[in-house]
Amino acid sequence: MDSFYEYLLKSYIMFQEEVDMTMFKDLYSSVRQFMRRGREDCLGGEGPHPLYVNVDMTNGDTATNWVDSLQAAFPGVQVN
């Protein structure tokens, strides 16, 4: 699944198809809304550091609190 986000973004960069960027932005917004935990500001503020977690698709609850290899690839998409 993580490659899907990357491929959407790269496809937009290569082919300039607006539908690819629209889908990427919609999905990225949903990831930030439903999978991001922790404080809003990455470098400051109160609370735990931000983390993208695995979520239970049936109810949206946090499924795991660790970073696995698939989650570790997502920051690479964010810096593109």
PDB file of N, CA and C in Angstrom:
ATOM      1  N   MET A   1       0.813  -1.193   0.000  1.00  0.00           N
ATOM      2  CA  MET A   1       0.000   0.000   0.000  1.00  0.00           C
ATOM      3  C   MET A   1       0.854   1.252   0.000  1.00  0.00           C
ATOM      4  N   ASP A   2       1.976   1.206   0.709  1.00  0.00           N
ATOM      5  CA  ASP A   2       2.809   2.408   0.786  1.00  0.00           C
ATOM      6  C   ASP A   2       3.299   2.835  -0.592  1.00  0.00           C
ATOM      7  N   SER A   3       3.568   1.894  -1.474  1.00  0.00           N
ATOM      8  CA  SER A   3       4.049   2.225  -2.814  1.00  0.00           C
ATOM      9  C   SER A   3       2.987   2.938  -3.630  1.00  0.00           C
ATOM     10  N   PHE A   4       1.731   2.703  -3.338  1.00  0.00           N
ATOM     11  CA  PHE A   4       0.658   3.349  -4.094  1.00  0.00           C
ATOM     12  C   PHE A   4       0.763   4.863  -3.994  1.00  0.00           C
ATOM     13  N   TYR A   5       1.014   5.377  -2.777  1.00  0.00           N
ATOM     14  CA  TYR A   5       1.149   6.829  -2.596  1.00  0.00           C
ATOM     15  C   TYR A   5       2.345   7.348  -3.388  1.00  0.00           C
ATOM     16  N   GLU A   6       3.439   6.628  -3.278  1.00  0.00           N
ATOM     17  CA  GLU A   6       4.663   7.020  -3.992  1.00  0.00           C
ATOM     18  C   GLU A   6       4.428   7.016  -5.499  1.00  0.00           C
ATOM     19  N   TYR A   7       3.787   5.988  -6.006  1.00  0.00           N
ATOM     20  CA  TYR A   7       3.561   5.892  -7.443  1.00  0.00           C
ATOM     21  C   TYR A   7       2.612   6.968  -7.952  1.00  0.00           C
ATOM     22  N   LEU A   8       1.614   7.324  -7.158  1.00  0.00           N
ATOM     23  CA  LEU A   8       0.719   8.414  -7.566  1.00  0.00           C
ATOM     24  C   LEU A   8       1.501   9.710  -7.729  1.00  0.00           C
ATOM     25  N   LEU A   9       2.334  10.009  -6.760  1.00  0.00           N
ATOM     26  CA  LEU A   9       3.106  11.245  -6.807  1.00  0.00           C
ATOM     27  C   LEU A   9       4.105  11.227  -7.970  1.00  0.00           C
ATOM     28  N   LYS A  10       4.805  10.136  -8.132  1.00  0.00           N
ATOM     29  CA  LYS A  10       5.776  10.042  -9.228  1.00  0.00           C
ATOM     30  C   LYS A  10       5.089  10.075 -10.587  1.00  0.00           C
ATOM     31  N   SER A  11       3.918   9.473 -10.668  1.00  0.00           N
ATOM     32  CA  SER A  11       3.172   9.495 -11.916  1.00  0.00           C
ATOM     33  C   SER A  11       2.778  10.923 -12.280  1.00  0.00           C
ATOM     34  N   TYR A  12       2.358  11.686 -11.286  1.00  0.00           N
ATOM     35  CA  TYR A  12       2.022  13.081 -11.555  1.00  0.00           C
ATOM     36  C   TYR A  12       3.257  13.847 -12.031  1.00  0.00           C
ATOM     37  N   ILE A  13       4.395  13.630 -11.362  1.00  0.00           N
ATOM     38  CA  ILE A  13       5.623  14.330 -11.731  1.00  0.00           C
ATOM     39  C   ILE A  13       6.014  13.992 -13.171  1.00  0.00           C
ATOM     40  N   MET A  14       5.874  12.730 -13.548  1.00  0.00           N
ATOM     41  CA  MET A  14       6.295  12.317 -14.887  1.00  0.00           C
ATOM     42  C   MET A  14       5.301  12.711 -15.975  1.00  0.00           C
ATOM     43  N   PHE A  15       4.003  12.518 -15.715  1.00  0.00           N
ATOM     44  CA  PHE A  15       3.016  12.660 -16.781  1.00  0.00           C
ATOM     45  C   PHE A  15       2.106  13.879 -16.649  1.00  0.00           C
ATOM     46  N   GLN A  16       2.200  14.576 -15.508  1.00  0.00           N
ATOM     47  CA  GLN A  16       1.405  15.792 -15.272  1.00  0.00           C
ATOM     48  C   GLN A  16      -0.106  15.567 -15.399  1.00  0.00           C
ATOM     49  N   GLU A  17      -0.561  14.372 -15.023  1.00  0.00           N
ATOM     50  CA  GLU A  17      -1.996  14.076 -15.027  1.00  0.00           C
ATOM     51  C   GLU A  17      -2.587  14.583 -13.714  1.00  0.00           C
ATOM     52  N   GLU A  18      -3.475  15.546 -13.785  1.00  0.00           N
ATOM     53  CA  GLU A  18      -4.047  16.160 -12.582  1.00  0.00           C
ATOM     54  C   GLU A  18      -4.784  15.160 -11.700  1.00  0.00           C
ATOM     55  N   VAL A  19      -5.363  14.125 -12.307  1.00  0.00           N
ATOM     56  CA  VAL A  19      -6.091  13.130 -11.518  1.00  0.00           C
ATOM     57  C   VAL A  19      -5.150  12.427 -10.536  1.00  0.00           C
ATOM     58  N   ASP A  20      -3.898  12.225 -10.927  1.00  0.00           N
ATOM     59  CA  ASP A  20      -2.926  11.597 -10.029  1.00  0.00           C
ATOM     60  C   ASP A  20      -2.657  12.479  -8.814  1.00  0.00           C
ATOM     61  N   MET A  21      -2.472  13.776  -9.043  1.00  0.00           N
ATOM     62  CA  MET A  21      -2.216  14.690  -7.932  1.00  0.00           C
ATOM     63  C   MET A  21      -3.453  14.848  -7.056  1.00  0.00           C
ATOM     64  N   THR A  22      -4.617  14.878  -7.663  1.00  0.00           N
ATOM     65  CA  THR A  22      -5.856  14.981  -6.885  1.00  0.00           C
ATOM     66  C   THR A  22      -6.019  13.777  -5.970  1.00  0.00           C
ATOM     67  N   MET A  23      -5.796  12.571  -6.519  1.00  0.00           N
ATOM     68  CA  MET A  23      -5.900  11.360  -5.695  1.00  0.00           C
ATOM     69  C   MET A  23      -4.848  11.367  -4.585  1.00  0.00           C
ATOM     70  N   PHE A  24      -3.614  11.776  -4.914  1.00  0.00           N
ATOM     71  CA  PHE A  24      -2.559  11.816  -3.903  1.00  0.00           C
ATOM     72  C   PHE A  24      -2.931  12.770  -2.779  1.00  0.00           C
ATOM     73  N   LYS A  25      -3.383  13.964  -3.122  1.00  0.00           N
ATOM     74  CA  LYS A  25      -3.741  14.943  -2.089  1.00  0.00           C
ATOM     75  C   LYS A  25      -4.887  14.450  -1.219  1.00  0.00           C
ATOM     76  N   ASP A  26      -5.886  13.833  -1.818  1.00  0.00           N
ATOM     77  CA  ASP A  26      -7.015  13.292  -1.044  1.00  0.00           C
ATOM     78  C   ASP A  26      -6.548  12.197  -0.092  1.00  0.00           C
ATOM     79  N   LEU A  27      -5.741  11.283  -0.594  1.00  0.00           N
ATOM     80  CA  LEU A  27      -5.237  10.191   0.242  1.00  0.00           C
ATOM     81  C   LEU A  27      -4.305  10.713   1.331  1.00  0.00           C
ATOM     82  N   TYR A  28      -3.438  11.654   0.980  1.00  0.00           N
ATOM     83  CA  TYR A  28      -2.500  12.214   1.956  1.00  0.00           C
ATOM     84  C   TYR A  28      -3.259  12.912   3.084  1.00  0.00           C
ATOM     85  N   SER A  29      -4.292  13.630   2.729  1.00  0.00           N
ATOM     86  CA  SER A  29      -5.121  14.290   3.738  1.00  0.00           C
ATOM     87  C   SER A  29      -5.757  13.265   4.676  1.00  0.00           C
ATOM     88  N   SER A  30      -6.238  12.173   4.126  1.00  0.00           N
ATOM     89  CA  SER A  30      -6.845  11.117   4.939  1.00  0.00           C
ATOM     90  C   SER A  30      -5.820  10.437   5.835  1.00  0.00           C
ATOM     91  N   VAL A  31      -4.626  10.211   5.316  1.00  0.00           N
ATOM     92  CA  VAL A  31      -3.560   9.610   6.130  1.00  0.00           C
ATOM     93  C   VAL A  31      -3.258  10.517   7.317  1.00  0.00           C
ATOM     94  N   ARG A  32      -3.124  11.810   7.051  1.00  0.00           N
ATOM     95  CA  ARG A  32      -2.834  12.752   8.155  1.00  0.00           C
ATOM     96  C   ARG A  32      -3.985  12.799   9.153  1.00  0.00           C
ATOM     97  N   GLN A  33      -5.197  12.699   8.674  1.00  0.00           N
ATOM     98  CA  GLN A  33      -6.349  12.776   9.569  1.00  0.00           C
ATOM     99  C   GLN A  33      -6.529  11.517  10.415  1.00  0.00           C
ATOM    100  N   PHE A  34      -6.379  10.360   9.812  1.00  0.00           N
ATOM    101  CA  PHE A  34      -6.733   9.119  10.493  1.00  0.00           C
ATOM    102  C   PHE A  34      -5.556   8.300  11.017  1.00  0.00           C
ATOM    103  N   MET A  35      -4.353   8.534  10.501  1.00  0.00           N
ATOM    104  CA  MET A  35      -3.223   7.687  10.897  1.00  0.00           C
ATOM    105  C   MET A  35      -2.151   8.433  11.701  1.00  0.00           C
ATOM    106  N   ARG A  36      -2.201   9.748  11.716  1.00  0.00           N
ATOM    107  CA  ARG A  36      -1.189  10.522  12.440  1.00  0.00           C
ATOM    108  C   ARG A  36      -1.620  10.688  13.884  1.00  0.00           C
ATOM    109  N   ARG A  37      -0.694  10.426  14.781  1.00  0.00           N
ATOM    110  CA  ARG A  37      -0.928  10.608  16.210  1.00  0.00           C
ATOM    111  C   ARG A  37       0.162  11.521  16.747  1.00  0.00           C
ATOM    112  N   GLY A  38      -0.059  12.099  17.912  1.00  0.00           N
ATOM    113  CA  GLY A  38       0.941  12.955  18.543  1.00  0.00           C
ATOM    114  C   GLY A  38       0.650  14.421  18.314  1.00  0.00           C
ATOM    115  N   ARG A  39       1.570  15.246  18.796  1.00  0.00           N
ATOM    116  CA  ARG A  39       1.377  16.696  18.724  1.00  0.00           C
ATOM    117  C   ARG A  39       1.362  17.201  17.285  1.00  0.00           C
ATOM    118  N   GLU A  40       0.759  18.338  17.082  1.00  0.00           N
ATOM    119  CA  GLU A  40       0.625  18.921  15.746  1.00  0.00           C
ATOM    120  C   GLU A  40       1.969  19.374  15.180  1.00  0.00           C
ATOM    121  N   ASP A  41       2.795  19.996  16.022  1.00  0.00           N
ATOM    122  CA  ASP A  41       4.079  20.520  15.572  1.00  0.00           C
ATOM    123  C   ASP A  41       5.166  19.457  15.755  1.00  0.00           C
ATOM    124  N   CYS A  42       5.871  19.144  14.703  1.00  0.00           N
ATOM    125  CA  CYS A  42       6.891  18.090  14.774  1.00  0.00           C
ATOM    126  C   CYS A  42       8.050  18.457  15.698  1.00  0.00           C
ATOM    127  N   LEU A  43       8.440  19.717  15.715  1.00  0.00           N
ATOM    128  CA  LEU A  43       9.658  20.110  16.410  1.00  0.00           C
ATOM    129  C   LEU A  43       9.426  20.769  17.766  1.00  0.00           C
ATOM    130  N   GLY A  44       8.204  20.913  18.186  1.00  0.00           N
ATOM    131  CA  GLY A  44       7.970  21.555  19.472  1.00  0.00           C
ATOM    132  C   GLY A  44       6.558  21.346  19.954  1.00  0.00           C
ATOM    133  N   GLY A  45       6.301  21.860  21.128  1.00  0.00           N
ATOM    134  CA  GLY A  45       4.975  21.736  21.702  1.00  0.00           C
ATOM    135  C   GLY A  45       4.920  20.643  22.735  1.00  0.00           C
ATOM    136  N   GLU A  46       3.750  20.471  23.271  1.00  0.00           N
ATOM    137  CA  GLU A  46       3.520  19.483  24.322  1.00  0.00           C
ATOM    138  C   GLU A  46       3.007  18.177  23.734  1.00  0.00           C
ATOM    139  N   GLY A  47       3.318  17.088  24.400  1.00  0.00           N
ATOM    140  CA  GLY A  47       2.806  15.789  24.000  1.00  0.00           C
ATOM    141  C   GLY A  47       3.843  14.958  23.271  1.00  0.00           C
ATOM    142  N   PRO A  48       3.447  13.757  22.906  1.00  0.00           N
ATOM    143  CA  PRO A  48       4.385  12.842  22.252  1.00  0.00           C
ATOM    144  C   PRO A  48       4.726  13.291  20.827  1.00  0.00           C
ATOM    145  N   HIS A  49       5.899  12.864  20.365  1.00  0.00           N
ATOM    146  CA  HIS A  49       6.312  13.155  18.992  1.00  0.00           C
ATOM    147  C   HIS A  49       5.301  12.559  18.017  1.00  0.00           C
ATOM    148  N   PRO A  50       5.110  13.207  16.875  1.00  0.00           N
ATOM    149  CA  PRO A  50       4.192  12.673  15.871  1.00  0.00           C
ATOM    150  C   PRO A  50       4.631  11.305  15.355  1.00  0.00           C
ATOM    151  N   LEU A  51       3.659  10.492  15.035  1.00  0.00           N
ATOM    152  CA  LEU A  51       3.900   9.143  14.550  1.00  0.00           C
ATOM    153  C   LEU A  51       2.733   8.734  13.664  1.00  0.00           C
ATOM    154  N   TYR A  52       3.025   8.101  12.555  1.00  0.00           N
ATOM    155  CA  TYR A  52       1.974   7.515  11.725  1.00  0.00           C
ATOM    156  C   TYR A  52       1.822   6.066  12.163  1.00  0.00           C
ATOM    157  N   VAL A  53       0.624   5.696  12.546  1.00  0.00           N
ATOM    158  CA  VAL A  53       0.382   4.375  13.105  1.00  0.00           C
ATOM    159  C   VAL A  53      -0.435   3.519  12.145  1.00  0.00           C
ATOM    160  N   ASN A  54      -0.431   2.223  12.384  1.00  0.00           N
ATOM    161  CA  ASN A  54      -1.344   1.314  11.698  1.00  0.00           C
ATOM    162  C   ASN A  54      -2.689   1.425  12.400  1.00  0.00           C
ATOM    163  N   VAL A  55      -3.752   1.481  11.631  1.00  0.00           N
ATOM    164  CA  VAL A  55      -5.080   1.594  12.224  1.00  0.00           C
ATOM    165  C   VAL A  55      -5.944   0.400  11.842  1.00  0.00           C
ATOM    166  N   ASP A  56      -6.895   0.126  12.718  1.00  0.00           N
ATOM    167  CA  ASP A  56      -7.883  -0.922  12.466  1.00  0.00           C
ATOM    168  C   ASP A  56      -8.898  -0.364  11.480  1.00  0.00           C
ATOM    169  N   MET A  57      -9.029  -0.994  10.321  1.00  0.00           N
ATOM    170  CA  MET A  57      -9.910  -0.478   9.281  1.00  0.00           C
ATOM    171  C   MET A  57     -11.387  -0.544   9.650  1.00  0.00           C
ATOM    172  N   THR A  58     -11.744  -1.347  10.630  1.00  0.00           N
ATOM    173  CA  THR A  58     -13.158  -1.462  10.986  1.00  0.00           C
ATOM    174  C   THR A  58     -13.633  -0.347  11.900  1.00  0.00           C
ATOM    175  N   ASN A  59     -12.709   0.219  12.717  1.00  0.00           N
ATOM    176  CA  ASN A  59     -13.164   1.240  13.665  1.00  0.00           C
ATOM    177  C   ASN A  59     -12.236   2.443  13.798  1.00  0.00           C
ATOM    178  N   GLY A  60     -11.081   2.430  13.138  1.00  0.00           N
ATOM    179  CA  GLY A  60     -10.161   3.561  13.179  1.00  0.00           C
ATOM    180  C   GLY A  60      -9.274   3.631  14.406  1.00  0.00           C
ATOM    181  N   ASP A  61      -9.379   2.658  15.295  1.00  0.00           N
ATOM    182  CA  ASP A  61      -8.527   2.638  16.483  1.00  0.00           C
ATOM    183  C   ASP A  61      -7.088   2.322  16.102  1.00  0.00           C
ATOM    184  N   THR A  62      -6.159   2.784  16.920  1.00  0.00           N
ATOM    185  CA  THR A  62      -4.747   2.477  16.705  1.00  0.00           C
ATOM    186  C   THR A  62      -4.523   0.981  16.854  1.00  0.00           C
ATOM    187  N   ALA A  63      -3.918   0.375  15.861  1.00  0.00           N
ATOM    188  CA  ALA A  63      -3.645  -1.060  15.900  1.00  0.00           C
ATOM    189  C   ALA A  63      -2.257  -1.333  16.461  1.00  0.00           C
ATOM    190  N   THR A  64      -1.257  -0.514  16.083  1.00  0.00           N
ATOM    191  CA  THR A  64       0.103  -0.677  16.593  1.00  0.00           C
ATOM    192  C   THR A  64       0.726   0.690  16.821  1.00  0.00           C
ATOM    193  N   ASN A  65       1.706   0.737  17.726  1.00  0.00           N
ATOM    194  CA  ASN A  65       2.398   1.989  18.037  1.00  0.00           C
ATOM    195  C   ASN A  65       3.872   1.952  17.662  1.00  0.00           C
ATOM    196  N   TRP A  66       4.260   1.055  16.793  1.00  0.00           N
ATOM    197  CA  TRP A  66       5.657   0.994  16.383  1.00  0.00           C
ATOM    198  C   TRP A  66       5.763   1.293  14.899  1.00  0.00           C
ATOM    199  N   VAL A  67       6.966   1.590  14.466  1.00  0.00           N
ATOM    200  CA  VAL A  67       7.223   1.878  13.062  1.00  0.00           C
ATOM    201  C   VAL A  67       7.775   0.614  12.414  1.00  0.00           C
ATOM    202  N   ASP A  68       7.090   0.147  11.391  1.00  0.00           N
ATOM    203  CA  ASP A  68       7.593  -1.006  10.654  1.00  0.00           C
ATOM    204  C   ASP A  68       8.199  -0.532   9.331  1.00  0.00           C
ATOM    205  N   SER A  69       8.693  -1.446   8.550  1.00  0.00           N
ATOM    206  CA  SER A  69       9.399  -1.072   7.323  1.00  0.00           C
ATOM    207  C   SER A  69       8.497  -0.335   6.335  1.00  0.00           C
ATOM    208  N   LEU A  70       7.228  -0.687   6.278  1.00  0.00           N
ATOM    209  CA  LEU A  70       6.327   0.006   5.354  1.00  0.00           C
ATOM    210  C   LEU A  70       6.066   1.432   5.802  1.00  0.00           C
ATOM    211  N   GLN A  71       5.900   1.646   7.105  1.00  0.00           N
ATOM    212  CA  GLN A  71       5.691   2.998   7.605  1.00  0.00           C
ATOM    213  C   GLN A  71       6.934   3.860   7.432  1.00  0.00           C
ATOM    214  N   ALA A  72       8.089   3.253   7.535  1.00  0.00           N
ATOM    215  CA  ALA A  72       9.340   4.005   7.412  1.00  0.00           C
ATOM    216  C   ALA A  72       9.520   4.586   6.017  1.00  0.00           C
ATOM    217  N   ALA A  73       8.869   4.049   5.021  1.00  0.00           N
ATOM    218  CA  ALA A  73       8.984   4.553   3.645  1.00  0.00           C
ATOM    219  C   ALA A  73       8.143   5.806   3.435  1.00  0.00           C
ATOM    220  N   PHE A  74       7.115   6.020   4.250  1.00  0.00           N
ATOM    221  CA  PHE A  74       6.202   7.140   4.024  1.00  0.00           C
ATOM    222  C   PHE A  74       6.887   8.521   4.137  1.00  0.00           C
ATOM    223  N   PRO A  75       7.803   8.736   5.081  1.00  0.00           N
ATOM    224  CA  PRO A  75       8.477  10.038   5.122  1.00  0.00           C
ATOM    225  C   PRO A  75       9.211  10.377   3.830  1.00  0.00           C
ATOM    226  N   GLY A  76       9.677   9.366   3.111  1.00  0.00           N
ATOM    227  CA  GLY A  76      10.306   9.615   1.826  1.00  0.00           C
ATOM    228  C   GLY A  76       9.339  10.209   0.821  1.00  0.00           C
ATOM    229  N   VAL A  77       8.094   9.797   0.874  1.00  0.00           N
ATOM    230  CA  VAL A  77       7.064  10.362   0.010  1.00  0.00           C
ATOM    231  C   VAL A  77       6.784  11.813   0.418  1.00  0.00           C
ATOM    232  N   GLN A  78       6.836  12.081   1.711  1.00  0.00           N
ATOM    233  CA  GLN A  78       6.532  13.420   2.206  1.00  0.00           C
ATOM    234  C   GLN A  78       7.573  14.451   1.766  1.00  0.00           C
ATOM    235  N   VAL A  79       8.804  14.066   1.529  1.00  0.00           N
ATOM    236  CA  VAL A  79       9.830  15.029   1.153  1.00  0.00           C
ATOM    237  C   VAL A  79       9.915  15.264  -0.345  1.00  0.00           C
ATOM    238  N   ASN A  80       9.169  14.500  -1.133  1.00  0.00           N
ATOM    239  CA  ASN A  80       9.188  14.688  -2.589  1.00  0.00           C
ATOM    240  C   ASN A  80       8.675  16.048  -2.974  1.00  0.00           C
TER     241      ASN A  80
END
